[in-house]
């Protein structure tokens, strides 16, 4: 694949996935440092991640690894698309 065709494929991919860009990172790492303690959303499980949007320390169940945000920060539109499995990614067989 040439660089030019790769760039064209990248442009097509970006256009197809532009709806997934609605997750904005407000400030870079609002709460820097190690993630410790309980999840700031459910309060039950140990926190493993830090949300890129709000900075909360959250557990795996309350975090969307694919997007880097907690379940409180993901948009309703994005949730609808995910529930419909409208991610724009072909199923791997």
PDB file of N, CA and C in Angstrom:
ATOM      1  N   UNK A   1       0.852  -1.176   0.000  1.00  0.00           N
ATOM      2  CA  UNK A   1       0.000   0.000   0.000  1.00  0.00           C
ATOM      3  C   UNK A   1       0.895   1.236   0.000  1.00  0.00           C
ATOM      4  N   UNK A   2       0.623   2.146  -0.900  1.00  0.00           N
ATOM      5  CA  UNK A   2       1.419   3.367  -0.981  1.00  0.00           C
ATOM      6  C   UNK A   2       0.963   4.355   0.081  1.00  0.00           C
ATOM      7  N   UNK A   3       1.808   5.331   0.341  1.00  0.00           N
ATOM      8  CA  UNK A   3       1.477   6.345   1.345  1.00  0.00           C
ATOM      9  C   UNK A   3       0.227   7.120   0.934  1.00  0.00           C
ATOM     10  N   UNK A   4       0.113   7.412  -0.348  1.00  0.00           N
ATOM     11  CA  UNK A   4      -1.041   8.163  -0.843  1.00  0.00           C
ATOM     12  C   UNK A   4      -2.341   7.380  -0.655  1.00  0.00           C
ATOM     13  N   UNK A   5      -2.339   6.088  -0.999  1.00  0.00           N
ATOM     14  CA  UNK A   5      -3.561   5.290  -0.829  1.00  0.00           C
ATOM     15  C   UNK A   5      -3.878   5.082   0.647  1.00  0.00           C
ATOM     16  N   UNK A   6      -2.835   4.979   1.480  1.00  0.00           N
ATOM     17  CA  UNK A   6      -3.047   4.838   2.914  1.00  0.00           C
ATOM     18  C   UNK A   6      -3.690   6.106   3.474  1.00  0.00           C
ATOM     19  N   UNK A   7      -3.232   7.267   3.024  1.00  0.00           N
ATOM     20  CA  UNK A   7      -3.817   8.532   3.465  1.00  0.00           C
ATOM     21  C   UNK A   7      -5.278   8.640   3.037  1.00  0.00           C
ATOM     22  N   UNK A   8      -5.582   8.187   1.833  1.00  0.00           N
ATOM     23  CA  UNK A   8      -6.963   8.214   1.347  1.00  0.00           C
ATOM     24  C   UNK A   8      -7.836   7.281   2.181  1.00  0.00           C
ATOM     25  N   UNK A   9      -7.332   6.096   2.496  1.00  0.00           N
ATOM     26  CA  UNK A   9      -8.074   5.159   3.348  1.00  0.00           C
ATOM     27  C   UNK A   9      -8.302   5.753   4.732  1.00  0.00           C
ATOM     28  N   UNK A  10      -7.312   6.441   5.258  1.00  0.00           N
ATOM     29  CA  UNK A  10      -7.441   7.074   6.565  1.00  0.00           C
ATOM     30  C   UNK A  10      -8.505   8.168   6.527  1.00  0.00           C
ATOM     31  N   UNK A  11      -8.520   8.960   5.467  1.00  0.00           N
ATOM     32  CA  UNK A  11      -9.541  10.002   5.318  1.00  0.00           C
ATOM     33  C   UNK A  11     -10.947   9.387   5.278  1.00  0.00           C
ATOM     34  N   UNK A  12     -11.096   8.286   4.547  1.00  0.00           N
ATOM     35  CA  UNK A  12     -12.391   7.604   4.475  1.00  0.00           C
ATOM     36  C   UNK A  12     -12.797   7.091   5.850  1.00  0.00           C
ATOM     37  N   UNK A  13     -11.854   6.488   6.567  1.00  0.00           N
ATOM     38  CA  UNK A  13     -12.142   5.942   7.896  1.00  0.00           C
ATOM     39  C   UNK A  13     -12.570   7.052   8.852  1.00  0.00           C
ATOM     40  N   UNK A  14     -11.873   8.177   8.825  1.00  0.00           N
ATOM     41  CA  UNK A  14     -12.212   9.308   9.692  1.00  0.00           C
ATOM     42  C   UNK A  14     -13.617   9.810   9.374  1.00  0.00           C
ATOM     43  N   UNK A  15     -13.945   9.918   8.099  1.00  0.00           N
ATOM     44  CA  UNK A  15     -15.278  10.378   7.704  1.00  0.00           C
ATOM     45  C   UNK A  15     -16.355   9.402   8.180  1.00  0.00           C
ATOM     46  N   UNK A  16     -16.094   8.105   8.051  1.00  0.00           N
ATOM     47  CA  UNK A  16     -17.064   7.094   8.476  1.00  0.00           C
ATOM     48  C   UNK A  16     -17.265   7.088   9.988  1.00  0.00           C
ATOM     49  N   UNK A  17     -16.255   7.486  10.739  1.00  0.00           N
ATOM     50  CA  UNK A  17     -16.305   7.409  12.197  1.00  0.00           C
ATOM     51  C   UNK A  17     -16.397   8.773  12.869  1.00  0.00           C
ATOM     52  N   UNK A  18     -16.816   9.776  12.143  1.00  0.00           N
ATOM     53  CA  UNK A  18     -16.843  11.125  12.712  1.00  0.00           C
ATOM     54  C   UNK A  18     -17.809  11.244  13.889  1.00  0.00           C
ATOM     55  N   UNK A  19     -18.835  10.404  13.956  1.00  0.00           N
ATOM     56  CA  UNK A  19     -19.775  10.451  15.077  1.00  0.00           C
ATOM     57  C   UNK A  19     -19.116  10.071  16.394  1.00  0.00           C
ATOM     58  N   UNK A  20     -18.031   9.348  16.355  1.00  0.00           N
ATOM     59  CA  UNK A  20     -17.349   8.921  17.566  1.00  0.00           C
ATOM     60  C   UNK A  20     -16.429  10.003  18.118  1.00  0.00           C
ATOM     61  N   UNK A  21     -16.350  11.133  17.421  1.00  0.00           N
ATOM     62  CA  UNK A  21     -15.500  12.223  17.896  1.00  0.00           C
ATOM     63  C   UNK A  21     -16.237  13.164  18.839  1.00  0.00           C
ATOM     64  N   UNK A  22     -17.485  12.832  19.214  1.00  0.00           N
ATOM     65  CA  UNK A  22     -18.233  13.731  20.090  1.00  0.00           C
ATOM     66  C   UNK A  22     -17.782  13.656  21.540  1.00  0.00           C
ATOM     67  N   UNK A  23     -16.907  12.729  21.855  1.00  0.00           N
ATOM     68  CA  UNK A  23     -16.348  12.656  23.203  1.00  0.00           C
ATOM     69  C   UNK A  23     -15.168  13.613  23.244  1.00  0.00           C
ATOM     70  N   UNK A  24     -15.317  14.662  24.017  1.00  0.00           N
ATOM     71  CA  UNK A  24     -14.262  15.661  24.105  1.00  0.00           C
ATOM     72  C   UNK A  24     -13.508  15.499  25.411  1.00  0.00           C
ATOM     73  N   UNK A  25     -12.224  15.640  25.349  1.00  0.00           N
ATOM     74  CA  UNK A  25     -11.410  15.615  26.552  1.00  0.00           C
ATOM     75  C   UNK A  25     -11.303  17.054  27.024  1.00  0.00           C
ATOM     76  N   UNK A  26     -11.928  17.362  28.172  1.00  0.00           N
ATOM     77  CA  UNK A  26     -11.994  18.743  28.647  1.00  0.00           C
ATOM     78  C   UNK A  26     -10.631  19.279  29.053  1.00  0.00           C
ATOM     79  N   UNK A  27      -9.986  18.627  29.961  1.00  0.00           N
ATOM     80  CA  UNK A  27      -8.665  19.044  30.403  1.00  0.00           C
ATOM     81  C   UNK A  27      -7.817  17.795  30.521  1.00  0.00           C
ATOM     82  N   UNK A  28      -6.565  17.929  30.209  1.00  0.00           N
ATOM     83  CA  UNK A  28      -5.700  16.769  30.284  1.00  0.00           C
ATOM     84  C   UNK A  28      -5.486  16.367  31.729  1.00  0.00           C
ATOM     85  N   UNK A  29      -5.965  15.185  32.060  1.00  0.00           N
ATOM     86  CA  UNK A  29      -5.786  14.571  33.370  1.00  0.00           C
ATOM     87  C   UNK A  29      -6.034  15.545  34.515  1.00  0.00           C
ATOM     88  N   UNK A  30      -7.299  15.799  34.797  1.00  0.00           N
ATOM     89  CA  UNK A  30      -7.672  16.736  35.854  1.00  0.00           C
ATOM     90  C   UNK A  30      -7.102  16.339  37.210  1.00  0.00           C
ATOM     91  N   UNK A  31      -6.999  15.037  37.451  1.00  0.00           N
ATOM     92  CA  UNK A  31      -6.468  14.563  38.726  1.00  0.00           C
ATOM     93  C   UNK A  31      -5.298  13.630  38.444  1.00  0.00           C
ATOM     94  N   UNK A  32      -4.115  14.181  38.302  1.00  0.00           N
ATOM     95  CA  UNK A  32      -2.966  13.337  37.979  1.00  0.00           C
ATOM     96  C   UNK A  32      -2.626  12.396  39.126  1.00  0.00           C
ATOM     97  N   UNK A  33      -1.868  11.387  38.804  1.00  0.00           N
ATOM     98  CA  UNK A  33      -1.409  10.468  39.837  1.00  0.00           C
ATOM     99  C   UNK A  33      -1.985   9.078  39.674  1.00  0.00           C
ATOM    100  N   UNK A  34      -1.597   8.234  40.577  1.00  0.00           N
ATOM    101  CA  UNK A  34      -1.990   6.836  40.561  1.00  0.00           C
ATOM    102  C   UNK A  34      -3.483   6.687  40.878  1.00  0.00           C
ATOM    103  N   UNK A  35      -4.121   5.725  40.237  1.00  0.00           N
ATOM    104  CA  UNK A  35      -5.530   5.449  40.496  1.00  0.00           C
ATOM    105  C   UNK A  35      -5.606   4.466  41.658  1.00  0.00           C
ATOM    106  N   UNK A  36      -6.200   4.901  42.762  1.00  0.00           N
ATOM    107  CA  UNK A  36      -6.335   4.049  43.942  1.00  0.00           C
ATOM    108  C   UNK A  36      -7.719   4.229  44.548  1.00  0.00           C
ATOM    109  N   UNK A  37      -8.056   3.367  45.476  1.00  0.00           N
ATOM    110  CA  UNK A  37      -9.323   3.480  46.193  1.00  0.00           C
ATOM    111  C   UNK A  37     -10.477   2.847  45.449  1.00  0.00           C
ATOM    112  N   UNK A  38     -11.669   3.171  45.898  1.00  0.00           N
ATOM    113  CA  UNK A  38     -12.897   2.635  45.310  1.00  0.00           C
ATOM    114  C   UNK A  38     -13.351   3.492  44.133  1.00  0.00           C
ATOM    115  N   UNK A  39     -14.145   2.881  43.281  1.00  0.00           N
ATOM    116  CA  UNK A  39     -14.724   3.564  42.124  1.00  0.00           C
ATOM    117  C   UNK A  39     -15.556   4.749  42.595  1.00  0.00           C
ATOM    118  N   UNK A  40     -15.362   5.901  41.965  1.00  0.00           N
ATOM    119  CA  UNK A  40     -16.096   7.110  42.334  1.00  0.00           C
ATOM    120  C   UNK A  40     -17.518   7.136  41.779  1.00  0.00           C
ATOM    121  N   UNK A  41     -17.889   6.128  40.989  1.00  0.00           N
ATOM    122  CA  UNK A  41     -19.255   6.059  40.473  1.00  0.00           C
ATOM    123  C   UNK A  41     -20.069   5.040  41.268  1.00  0.00           C
ATOM    124  N   UNK A  42     -19.623   3.784  41.289  1.00  0.00           N
ATOM    125  CA  UNK A  42     -20.401   2.759  41.995  1.00  0.00           C
ATOM    126  C   UNK A  42     -20.019   2.640  43.468  1.00  0.00           C
ATOM    127  N   UNK A  43     -18.789   2.995  43.801  1.00  0.00           N
ATOM    128  CA  UNK A  43     -18.331   2.924  45.180  1.00  0.00           C
ATOM    129  C   UNK A  43     -18.129   1.523  45.715  1.00  0.00           C
ATOM    130  N   UNK A  44     -18.220   0.520  44.860  1.00  0.00           N
ATOM    131  CA  UNK A  44     -18.136  -0.873  45.293  1.00  0.00           C
ATOM    132  C   UNK A  44     -16.793  -1.505  44.936  1.00  0.00           C
ATOM    133  N   UNK A  45     -16.429  -1.427  43.677  1.00  0.00           N
ATOM    134  CA  UNK A  45     -15.216  -2.091  43.196  1.00  0.00           C
ATOM    135  C   UNK A  45     -14.008  -1.158  43.268  1.00  0.00           C
ATOM    136  N   UNK A  46     -12.823  -1.758  43.223  1.00  0.00           N
ATOM    137  CA  UNK A  46     -11.587  -0.974  43.225  1.00  0.00           C
ATOM    138  C   UNK A  46     -11.444  -0.232  41.899  1.00  0.00           C
ATOM    139  N   UNK A  47     -11.013   1.003  41.966  1.00  0.00           N
ATOM    140  CA  UNK A  47     -10.792   1.816  40.764  1.00  0.00           C
ATOM    141  C   UNK A  47      -9.549   1.321  40.034  1.00  0.00           C
ATOM    142  N   UNK A  48      -9.641   1.244  38.695  1.00  0.00           N
ATOM    143  CA  UNK A  48      -8.518   0.817  37.862  1.00  0.00           C
ATOM    144  C   UNK A  48      -8.140   1.859  36.819  1.00  0.00           C
ATOM    145  N   UNK A  49      -9.073   2.741  36.478  1.00  0.00           N
ATOM    146  CA  UNK A  49      -8.878   3.696  35.393  1.00  0.00           C
ATOM    147  C   UNK A  49      -9.219   5.110  35.853  1.00  0.00           C
ATOM    148  N   UNK A  50      -8.775   6.089  35.067  1.00  0.00           N
ATOM    149  CA  UNK A  50      -9.151   7.480  35.300  1.00  0.00           C
ATOM    150  C   UNK A  50      -9.824   7.986  34.026  1.00  0.00           C
ATOM    151  N   UNK A  51     -11.012   8.533  34.159  1.00  0.00           N
ATOM    152  CA  UNK A  51     -11.767   9.055  33.020  1.00  0.00           C
ATOM    153  C   UNK A  51     -11.013  10.243  32.422  1.00  0.00           C
ATOM    154  N   UNK A  52     -10.849  10.222  31.108  1.00  0.00           N
ATOM    155  CA  UNK A  52     -10.140  11.307  30.428  1.00  0.00           C
ATOM    156  C   UNK A  52     -10.951  12.597  30.391  1.00  0.00           C
ATOM    157  N   UNK A  53     -12.263  12.497  30.535  1.00  0.00           N
ATOM    158  CA  UNK A  53     -13.104  13.687  30.456  1.00  0.00           C
ATOM    159  C   UNK A  53     -13.293  14.355  31.816  1.00  0.00           C
ATOM    160  N   UNK A  54     -13.702  13.583  32.835  1.00  0.00           N
ATOM    161  CA  UNK A  54     -14.009  14.197  34.135  1.00  0.00           C
ATOM    162  C   UNK A  54     -12.928  13.972  35.186  1.00  0.00           C
ATOM    163  N   UNK A  55     -12.034  13.010  34.957  1.00  0.00           N
ATOM    164  CA  UNK A  55     -10.948  12.766  35.897  1.00  0.00           C
ATOM    165  C   UNK A  55     -11.278  11.828  37.042  1.00  0.00           C
ATOM    166  N   UNK A  56     -12.504  11.270  37.070  1.00  0.00           N
ATOM    167  CA  UNK A  56     -12.868  10.347  38.145  1.00  0.00           C
ATOM    168  C   UNK A  56     -12.050   9.060  38.070  1.00  0.00           C
ATOM    169  N   UNK A  57     -11.759   8.484  39.242  1.00  0.00           N
ATOM    170  CA  UNK A  57     -11.152   7.155  39.331  1.00  0.00           C
ATOM    171  C   UNK A  57     -12.304   6.160  39.318  1.00  0.00           C
ATOM    172  N   UNK A  58     -12.307   5.248  38.342  1.00  0.00           N
ATOM    173  CA  UNK A  58     -13.443   4.341  38.172  1.00  0.00           C
ATOM    174  C   UNK A  58     -13.001   2.896  37.977  1.00  0.00           C
ATOM    175  N   UNK A  59     -13.925   1.973  38.252  1.00  0.00           N
ATOM    176  CA  UNK A  59     -13.662   0.545  38.067  1.00  0.00           C
ATOM    177  C   UNK A  59     -13.891   0.166  36.601  1.00  0.00           C
ATOM    178  N   UNK A  60     -13.540  -1.066  36.256  1.00  0.00           N
ATOM    179  CA  UNK A  60     -13.689  -1.538  34.880  1.00  0.00           C
ATOM    180  C   UNK A  60     -15.152  -1.565  34.438  1.00  0.00           C
ATOM    181  N   UNK A  61     -16.076  -1.827  35.359  1.00  0.00           N
ATOM    182  CA  UNK A  61     -17.500  -1.890  35.009  1.00  0.00           C
ATOM    183  C   UNK A  61     -18.096  -0.520  34.701  1.00  0.00           C
ATOM    184  N   UNK A  62     -17.505   0.518  35.218  1.00  0.00           N
ATOM    185  CA  UNK A  62     -18.023   1.882  35.026  1.00  0.00           C
ATOM    186  C   UNK A  62     -17.202   2.667  34.002  1.00  0.00           C
ATOM    187  N   UNK A  63     -16.373   1.978  33.214  1.00  0.00           N
ATOM    188  CA  UNK A  63     -15.437   2.642  32.308  1.00  0.00           C
ATOM    189  C   UNK A  63     -15.536   2.053  30.912  1.00  0.00           C
ATOM    190  N   UNK A  64     -15.528   2.902  29.900  1.00  0.00           N
ATOM    191  CA  UNK A  64     -15.502   2.479  28.497  1.00  0.00           C
ATOM    192  C   UNK A  64     -14.053   2.559  28.021  1.00  0.00           C
ATOM    193  N   UNK A  65     -13.361   1.441  28.072  1.00  0.00           N
ATOM    194  CA  UNK A  65     -11.946   1.396  27.704  1.00  0.00           C
ATOM    195  C   UNK A  65     -11.744   1.880  26.269  1.00  0.00           C
ATOM    196  N   UNK A  66     -12.655   1.515  25.383  1.00  0.00           N
ATOM    197  CA  UNK A  66     -12.542   1.879  23.968  1.00  0.00           C
ATOM    198  C   UNK A  66     -12.468   3.393  23.769  1.00  0.00           C
ATOM    199  N   UNK A  67     -13.141   4.143  24.637  1.00  0.00           N
ATOM    200  CA  UNK A  67     -13.204   5.592  24.486  1.00  0.00           C
ATOM    201  C   UNK A  67     -12.428   6.350  25.553  1.00  0.00           C
ATOM    202  N   UNK A  68     -12.053   5.672  26.633  1.00  0.00           N
ATOM    203  CA  UNK A  68     -11.291   6.324  27.695  1.00  0.00           C
ATOM    204  C   UNK A  68     -12.121   7.184  28.624  1.00  0.00           C
ATOM    205  N   UNK A  69     -13.440   6.945  28.652  1.00  0.00           N
ATOM    206  CA  UNK A  69     -14.318   7.746  29.504  1.00  0.00           C
ATOM    207  C   UNK A  69     -15.192   6.853  30.380  1.00  0.00           C
ATOM    208  N   UNK A  70     -15.672   7.435  31.480  1.00  0.00           N
ATOM    209  CA  UNK A  70     -16.552   6.692  32.382  1.00  0.00           C
ATOM    210  C   UNK A  70     -17.970   6.660  31.812  1.00  0.00           C
ATOM    211  N   UNK A  71     -18.810   5.819  32.407  1.00  0.00           N
ATOM    212  CA  UNK A  71     -20.175   5.685  31.894  1.00  0.00           C
ATOM    213  C   UNK A  71     -21.009   6.944  32.111  1.00  0.00           C
ATOM    214  N   UNK A  72     -20.588   7.818  32.999  1.00  0.00           N
ATOM    215  CA  UNK A  72     -21.293   9.083  33.210  1.00  0.00           C
ATOM    216  C   UNK A  72     -20.959  10.105  32.121  1.00  0.00           C
ATOM    217  N   UNK A  73     -19.810   9.963  31.487  1.00  0.00           N
ATOM    218  CA  UNK A  73     -19.360  10.954  30.494  1.00  0.00           C
ATOM    219  C   UNK A  73     -19.659  10.567  29.050  1.00  0.00           C
ATOM    220  N   UNK A  74     -20.007   9.315  28.792  1.00  0.00           N
ATOM    221  CA  UNK A  74     -20.288   8.916  27.412  1.00  0.00           C
ATOM    222  C   UNK A  74     -21.652   9.483  27.009  1.00  0.00           C
ATOM    223  N   UNK A  75     -21.768   9.966  25.797  1.00  0.00           N
ATOM    224  CA  UNK A  75     -22.998  10.631  25.359  1.00  0.00           C
ATOM    225  C   UNK A  75     -24.129   9.628  25.125  1.00  0.00           C
ATOM    226  N   UNK A  76     -25.361  10.110  25.238  1.00  0.00           N
ATOM    227  CA  UNK A  76     -26.542   9.277  24.994  1.00  0.00           C
ATOM    228  C   UNK A  76     -26.538   8.767  23.552  1.00  0.00           C
ATOM    229  N   UNK A  77     -26.148   9.633  22.621  1.00  0.00           N
ATOM    230  CA  UNK A  77     -26.101   9.255  21.211  1.00  0.00           C
ATOM    231  C   UNK A  77     -25.128   8.102  20.997  1.00  0.00           C
ATOM    232  N   UNK A  78     -23.975   8.174  21.656  1.00  0.00           N
ATOM    233  CA  UNK A  78     -22.985   7.116  21.534  1.00  0.00           C
ATOM    234  C   UNK A  78     -23.520   5.811  22.122  1.00  0.00           C
ATOM    235  N   UNK A  79     -24.193   5.878  23.259  1.00  0.00           N
ATOM    236  CA  UNK A  79     -24.769   4.678  23.872  1.00  0.00           C
ATOM    237  C   UNK A  79     -25.795   4.028  22.954  1.00  0.00           C
ATOM    238  N   UNK A  80     -26.624   4.834  22.296  1.00  0.00           N
ATOM    239  CA  UNK A  80     -27.617   4.298  21.367  1.00  0.00           C
ATOM    240  C   UNK A  80     -26.935   3.556  20.227  1.00  0.00           C
ATOM    241  N   UNK A  81     -25.876   4.144  19.693  1.00  0.00           N
ATOM    242  CA  UNK A  81     -25.155   3.505  18.588  1.00  0.00           C
ATOM    243  C   UNK A  81     -24.510   2.199  19.036  1.00  0.00           C
ATOM    244  N   UNK A  82     -23.950   2.190  20.231  1.00  0.00           N
ATOM    245  CA  UNK A  82     -23.321   0.976  20.744  1.00  0.00           C
ATOM    246  C   UNK A  82     -24.353  -0.116  20.999  1.00  0.00           C
ATOM    247  N   UNK A  83     -25.515   0.255  21.497  1.00  0.00           N
ATOM    248  CA  UNK A  83     -26.570  -0.729  21.740  1.00  0.00           C
ATOM    249  C   UNK A  83     -27.084  -1.320  20.435  1.00  0.00           C
ATOM    250  N   UNK A  84     -27.083  -0.518  19.368  1.00  0.00           N
ATOM    251  CA  UNK A  84     -27.484  -0.997  18.043  1.00  0.00           C
ATOM    252  C   UNK A  84     -26.335  -1.728  17.356  1.00  0.00           C
ATOM    253  N   UNK A  85     -25.175  -1.695  17.976  1.00  0.00           N
ATOM    254  CA  UNK A  85     -23.942  -2.240  17.398  1.00  0.00           C
ATOM    255  C   UNK A  85     -23.593  -1.512  16.111  1.00  0.00           C
ATOM    256  N   UNK A  86     -23.855  -0.220  16.078  1.00  0.00           N
ATOM    257  CA  UNK A  86     -23.575   0.633  14.931  1.00  0.00           C
ATOM    258  C   UNK A  86     -22.232   1.329  15.140  1.00  0.00           C
ATOM    259  N   UNK A  87     -21.186   0.538  15.300  1.00  0.00           N
ATOM    260  CA  UNK A  87     -19.876   1.110  15.578  1.00  0.00           C
ATOM    261  C   UNK A  87     -19.080   1.392  14.318  1.00  0.00           C
ATOM    262  N   UNK A  88     -19.565   0.892  13.192  1.00  0.00           N
ATOM    263  CA  UNK A  88     -18.828   1.079  11.957  1.00  0.00           C
ATOM    264  C   UNK A  88     -17.690   0.089  11.798  1.00  0.00           C
ATOM    265  N   UNK A  89     -17.634  -0.877  12.699  1.00  0.00           N
ATOM    266  CA  UNK A  89     -16.582  -1.893  12.647  1.00  0.00           C
ATOM    267  C   UNK A  89     -17.218  -3.189  12.186  1.00  0.00           C
ATOM    268  N   UNK A  90     -16.684  -3.779  11.124  1.00  0.00           N
ATOM    269  CA  UNK A  90     -17.216  -5.040  10.624  1.00  0.00           C
ATOM    270  C   UNK A  90     -16.950  -6.153  11.623  1.00  0.00           C
ATOM    271  N   UNK A  91     -17.892  -7.076  11.696  1.00  0.00           N
ATOM    272  CA  UNK A  91     -17.752  -8.218  12.601  1.00  0.00           C
ATOM    273  C   UNK A  91     -16.617  -9.113  12.121  1.00  0.00           C
ATOM    274  N   UNK A  92     -15.823  -9.569  13.051  1.00  0.00           N
ATOM    275  CA  UNK A  92     -14.720 -10.476  12.725  1.00  0.00           C
ATOM    276  C   UNK A  92     -15.233 -11.897  12.839  1.00  0.00           C
ATOM    277  N   UNK A  93     -14.997 -12.670  11.833  1.00  0.00           N
ATOM    278  CA  UNK A  93     -15.467 -14.073  11.844  1.00  0.00           C
ATOM    279  C   UNK A  93     -14.303 -15.005  11.899  1.00  0.00           C
TER     280      UNK A  93
END
